[in-house]
């Protein structure tokens, strides 16, 4: 039943992709609320806030010995390395926001997304399937960025495939959590990951409103911090819990 449900949602999402007109990158996307120049760095807070991804990605790699036996070691390393890549790529993009530099923001993001998705499939659906899907999913994620970038260069940008890669796992992961008890990844932390990531997208949407309300921090800067916390919760889901101290 679970496989049929996941397959049906995936098929509907892919079919819907062909009903939507191509989606070019909105040039206004690069018009962030906080563009202050500090320490000779343009858009300082949107650049500097990516440090949270670097710290948390490095934290995850350093905790590799504590990885749960049921978790996929390769997938975990790729996930954490992808998060480190997000820190570098996003900082580079925000230093000079434009459609060309945005490629390096989104590329490592898709790698991290796909690695996490493959690990949840491995835990909640099938170990063998999750392991087999890891590299093909990453290839699909990278291809979605390559396709979008190529269409932008042709003057007819199309973000549809990238949108599917980013948001379909956010539909399928909750379904997997609800329909299977899993083999080791802790549900509470994965739910926290999804909730915190959703909140980060909300603050991104209200970038200007939050900046006007606070006068100090923009919604996009807060988005970076919240998204990195979502990564941290995912890492906690994959690590062995610390043994409790007996009285």
Protein backbone atom coordinates (compact mmCIF):
# COMPACT_ATOMS: atom_id res chain seq x y z
CA UNK A 1 0.00 0.00 0.00
CA UNK A 2 2.80 2.43 0.90
CA UNK A 3 4.60 1.88 -2.40
CA UNK A 4 1.39 2.46 -4.35
CA UNK A 5 0.70 5.70 -2.47
CA UNK A 6 4.21 7.06 -2.98
CA UNK A 7 4.18 6.01 -6.63
CA UNK A 8 0.80 7.65 -7.23
CA UNK A 9 1.87 10.97 -5.66
CA UNK A 10 5.09 10.92 -7.70
CA UNK A 11 3.25 10.12 -10.94
CA UNK A 12 0.70 12.90 -10.34
CA UNK A 13 3.47 15.41 -9.57
CA UNK A 14 5.41 14.49 -12.73
CA UNK A 15 2.24 14.63 -14.84
CA UNK A 16 1.38 18.04 -13.39
CA UNK A 17 4.83 19.22 -14.44
CA UNK A 18 3.78 18.97 -18.10
CA UNK A 19 0.58 20.94 -17.49
CA UNK A 20 2.47 23.95 -16.11
CA UNK A 21 4.04 26.45 -18.48
CA UNK A 22 7.83 26.88 -18.28
CA UNK A 23 8.84 29.02 -15.29
CA UNK A 24 11.74 31.41 -15.90
CA UNK A 25 13.78 32.82 -13.04
CA UNK A 26 12.16 36.02 -11.78
CA UNK A 27 14.81 38.78 -11.88
CA UNK A 28 13.16 40.32 -8.81
CA UNK A 29 14.24 37.24 -6.84
CA UNK A 30 17.70 38.79 -6.49
CA UNK A 31 16.30 42.01 -4.96
CA UNK A 32 16.78 41.20 -1.28
CA UNK A 33 15.66 43.48 1.53
CA UNK A 34 18.97 43.77 3.39
CA UNK A 35 21.71 44.98 1.06
CA UNK A 36 23.91 46.66 3.64
CA UNK A 37 27.65 46.84 3.02
CA UNK A 38 29.61 45.81 6.12
CA UNK A 39 33.26 44.82 6.45
CA UNK A 40 33.70 45.55 2.73
CA UNK A 41 31.15 42.81 2.01
CA UNK A 42 27.98 43.63 0.07
CA UNK A 43 24.77 42.02 1.37
CA UNK A 44 26.79 41.21 4.48
CA UNK A 45 24.17 39.46 6.60
CA UNK A 46 22.88 37.31 3.76
CA UNK A 47 26.49 36.27 3.08
CA UNK A 48 27.59 35.86 6.69
CA UNK A 49 24.52 33.91 7.81
CA UNK A 50 25.66 31.03 5.59
CA UNK A 51 28.31 30.33 8.21
CA UNK A 52 25.59 28.38 10.03
CA UNK A 53 25.49 25.84 7.17
CA UNK A 54 29.26 25.49 7.26
CA UNK A 55 29.34 24.90 11.02
CA UNK A 56 26.47 22.40 11.00
CA UNK A 57 27.72 20.54 7.93
CA UNK A 58 31.17 20.22 9.53
CA UNK A 59 29.52 19.15 12.79
CA UNK A 60 27.70 16.38 10.95
CA UNK A 61 30.87 15.11 9.30
CA UNK A 62 32.69 15.15 12.65
CA UNK A 63 29.90 13.03 14.16
CA UNK A 64 30.24 10.28 11.55
CA UNK A 65 31.47 7.75 14.18
CA UNK A 66 28.16 8.23 16.00
CA UNK A 67 26.05 7.41 12.96
CA UNK A 68 23.33 4.88 13.63
CA UNK A 69 24.15 1.42 12.24
CA UNK A 70 20.86 1.48 10.32
CA UNK A 71 21.71 4.76 8.57
CA UNK A 72 23.39 4.85 5.17
CA UNK A 73 26.98 5.99 5.70
CA UNK A 74 27.59 7.17 2.13
CA UNK A 75 24.29 9.05 2.01
CA UNK A 76 25.06 10.74 5.31
CA UNK A 77 28.51 11.90 4.14
CA UNK A 78 27.07 13.21 0.86
CA UNK A 79 24.32 15.01 2.78
CA UNK A 80 26.74 16.74 5.16
CA UNK A 81 29.18 17.56 2.36
CA UNK A 82 26.29 19.02 0.37
CA UNK A 83 25.42 21.25 3.33
CA UNK A 84 29.01 22.50 3.47
CA UNK A 85 28.68 23.18 -0.25
CA UNK A 86 25.48 25.14 0.41
CA UNK A 87 27.42 27.43 2.76
CA UNK A 88 30.03 28.17 0.10
CA UNK A 89 27.66 28.38 -2.86
CA UNK A 90 25.08 30.51 -1.11
CA UNK A 91 27.71 32.91 0.26
CA UNK A 92 29.12 33.26 -3.26
CA UNK A 93 25.67 33.93 -4.68
CA UNK A 94 24.70 36.50 -2.07
CA UNK A 95 27.98 38.36 -2.53
CA UNK A 96 26.82 39.16 -6.08
CA UNK A 97 23.22 38.02 -6.59
CA UNK A 98 22.31 37.22 -10.19
CA UNK A 99 20.95 34.29 -12.14
CA UNK A 100 24.42 32.99 -13.05
CA UNK A 101 25.73 32.90 -9.47
CA UNK A 102 22.41 31.40 -8.29
CA UNK A 103 23.46 28.16 -9.99
CA UNK A 104 26.14 27.66 -7.31
CA UNK A 105 23.62 28.31 -4.55
CA UNK A 106 21.14 25.74 -5.82
CA UNK A 107 23.51 23.01 -7.01
CA UNK A 108 24.76 21.83 -3.58
CA UNK A 109 21.26 22.34 -2.20
CA UNK A 110 19.84 19.74 -4.58
CA UNK A 111 22.63 17.31 -3.64
CA UNK A 112 21.76 17.64 0.05
CA UNK A 113 18.02 17.32 -0.68
CA UNK A 114 18.45 14.17 -2.73
CA UNK A 115 20.83 12.52 -0.24
CA UNK A 116 18.37 13.11 2.61
CA UNK A 117 15.49 11.82 0.51
CA UNK A 118 17.40 8.65 -0.41
CA UNK A 119 18.22 8.01 3.26
CA UNK A 120 14.57 8.34 4.27
CA UNK A 121 13.56 5.96 1.44
CA UNK A 122 16.18 3.50 2.70
CA UNK A 123 14.85 3.77 6.26
CA UNK A 124 11.11 3.79 5.57
CA UNK A 125 10.59 1.89 2.31
CA UNK A 126 13.48 -0.40 1.40
CA UNK A 127 17.16 -0.49 2.32
CA UNK A 128 18.09 -1.81 -1.08
CA UNK A 129 15.96 0.75 -2.94
CA UNK A 130 17.32 3.66 -0.91
CA UNK A 131 20.91 2.64 -1.57
CA UNK A 132 20.27 2.15 -5.29
CA UNK A 133 18.49 5.49 -5.60
CA UNK A 134 21.17 7.64 -3.94
CA UNK A 135 23.36 8.38 -6.96
CA UNK A 136 20.55 8.43 -9.56
CA UNK A 137 18.64 10.92 -7.38
CA UNK A 138 21.72 13.11 -7.04
CA UNK A 139 22.22 12.91 -10.80
CA UNK A 140 18.60 14.01 -11.31
CA UNK A 141 19.13 16.91 -8.90
CA UNK A 142 22.28 18.07 -10.68
CA UNK A 143 20.57 17.61 -14.06
CA UNK A 144 17.66 19.80 -12.93
CA UNK A 145 20.09 22.64 -12.25
CA UNK A 146 21.96 22.06 -15.53
CA UNK A 147 18.67 22.07 -17.45
CA UNK A 148 17.44 25.26 -15.78
CA UNK A 149 20.78 27.00 -16.39
CA UNK A 150 20.82 25.91 -20.04
CA UNK A 151 17.26 27.18 -20.63
CA UNK A 152 18.17 30.52 -19.05
CA UNK A 153 21.09 30.82 -21.46
CA UNK A 154 18.68 30.10 -24.32
CA UNK A 155 16.44 32.95 -23.16
CA UNK A 156 13.56 30.65 -22.13
CA UNK A 157 14.30 29.73 -18.53
CA UNK A 158 12.45 26.78 -17.07
CA UNK A 159 12.49 26.03 -13.34
CA UNK A 160 9.87 23.29 -13.42
CA UNK A 161 12.22 20.32 -12.99
CA UNK A 162 14.16 22.06 -10.23
CA UNK A 163 10.89 22.85 -8.47
CA UNK A 164 9.90 19.19 -8.64
CA UNK A 165 13.28 18.10 -7.23
CA UNK A 166 13.01 20.55 -4.35
CA UNK A 167 9.38 20.16 -3.33
CA UNK A 168 8.34 16.58 -4.22
CA UNK A 169 10.53 15.10 -1.44
CA UNK A 170 8.81 17.50 0.98
CA UNK A 171 5.54 15.74 0.07
CA UNK A 172 6.89 12.19 0.01
CA UNK A 173 8.91 12.30 3.24
CA UNK A 174 5.86 13.03 5.44
CA UNK A 175 3.97 10.22 3.70
CA UNK A 176 6.83 7.83 4.44
CA UNK A 177 6.96 8.93 8.06
CA UNK A 178 3.21 8.40 8.44
CA UNK A 179 3.05 5.00 6.74
CA UNK A 180 6.12 3.23 8.14
CA UNK A 181 7.75 2.99 11.59
CA UNK A 182 11.22 2.96 10.04
CA UNK A 183 14.43 1.12 10.85
CA UNK A 184 16.27 3.65 12.97
CA UNK A 185 15.96 7.26 11.81
CA UNK A 186 14.06 9.07 14.53
CA UNK A 187 10.72 10.44 13.39
CA UNK A 188 10.56 13.31 15.88
CA UNK A 189 13.73 14.89 14.51
CA UNK A 190 12.63 14.38 10.90
CA UNK A 191 9.30 16.06 11.62
CA UNK A 192 11.23 18.90 13.23
CA UNK A 193 13.34 19.11 10.06
CA UNK A 194 10.25 19.46 7.87
CA UNK A 195 8.57 22.00 10.16
CA UNK A 196 11.68 24.16 10.51
CA UNK A 197 12.33 24.07 6.78
CA UNK A 198 8.73 25.12 6.09
CA UNK A 199 9.17 28.01 8.53
CA UNK A 200 12.38 29.02 6.75
CA UNK A 201 10.50 29.24 3.44
CA UNK A 202 7.89 31.42 5.14
CA UNK A 203 10.50 33.88 6.40
CA UNK A 204 12.06 33.90 2.93
CA UNK A 205 8.70 34.90 1.48
CA UNK A 206 8.34 37.78 3.94
CA UNK A 207 11.89 39.03 3.48
CA UNK A 208 10.97 42.70 3.23
CA UNK A 209 8.21 42.63 5.84
CA UNK A 210 10.46 41.08 8.48
CA UNK A 211 13.26 43.54 7.70
CA UNK A 212 10.89 46.48 8.02
CA UNK A 213 9.53 45.10 11.31
CA UNK A 214 12.92 44.39 12.90
CA UNK A 215 15.07 47.02 11.26
CA UNK A 216 18.05 44.70 11.72
CA UNK A 217 17.43 41.23 10.30
CA UNK A 218 15.72 40.38 7.04
CA UNK A 219 13.53 37.39 6.40
CA UNK A 220 16.14 35.91 4.07
CA UNK A 221 18.88 36.09 6.69
CA UNK A 222 16.59 34.37 9.20
CA UNK A 223 15.76 31.83 6.50
CA UNK A 224 19.41 30.77 6.33
CA UNK A 225 19.57 30.22 10.08
CA UNK A 226 16.30 28.27 10.18
CA UNK A 227 17.24 26.12 7.19
CA UNK A 228 20.57 25.26 8.82
CA UNK A 229 18.69 24.28 11.99
CA UNK A 230 16.51 22.00 9.86
CA UNK A 231 19.75 20.34 8.72
CA UNK A 232 20.85 19.96 12.34
CA UNK A 233 17.61 18.21 13.28
CA UNK A 234 18.09 15.83 10.31
CA UNK A 235 21.61 15.03 11.54
CA UNK A 236 20.27 14.32 15.02
CA UNK A 237 17.74 11.92 13.45
CA UNK A 238 20.62 9.89 12.01
CA UNK A 239 22.94 9.78 15.02
CA UNK A 240 22.88 7.36 17.89
CA UNK A 241 21.37 9.02 20.97
CA UNK A 242 23.81 9.66 23.77
CA UNK A 243 23.54 7.06 26.56
CA UNK A 244 21.69 8.43 29.55
CA UNK A 245 23.63 8.68 32.78
CA UNK A 246 22.40 6.31 35.44
CA UNK A 247 21.80 7.67 38.93
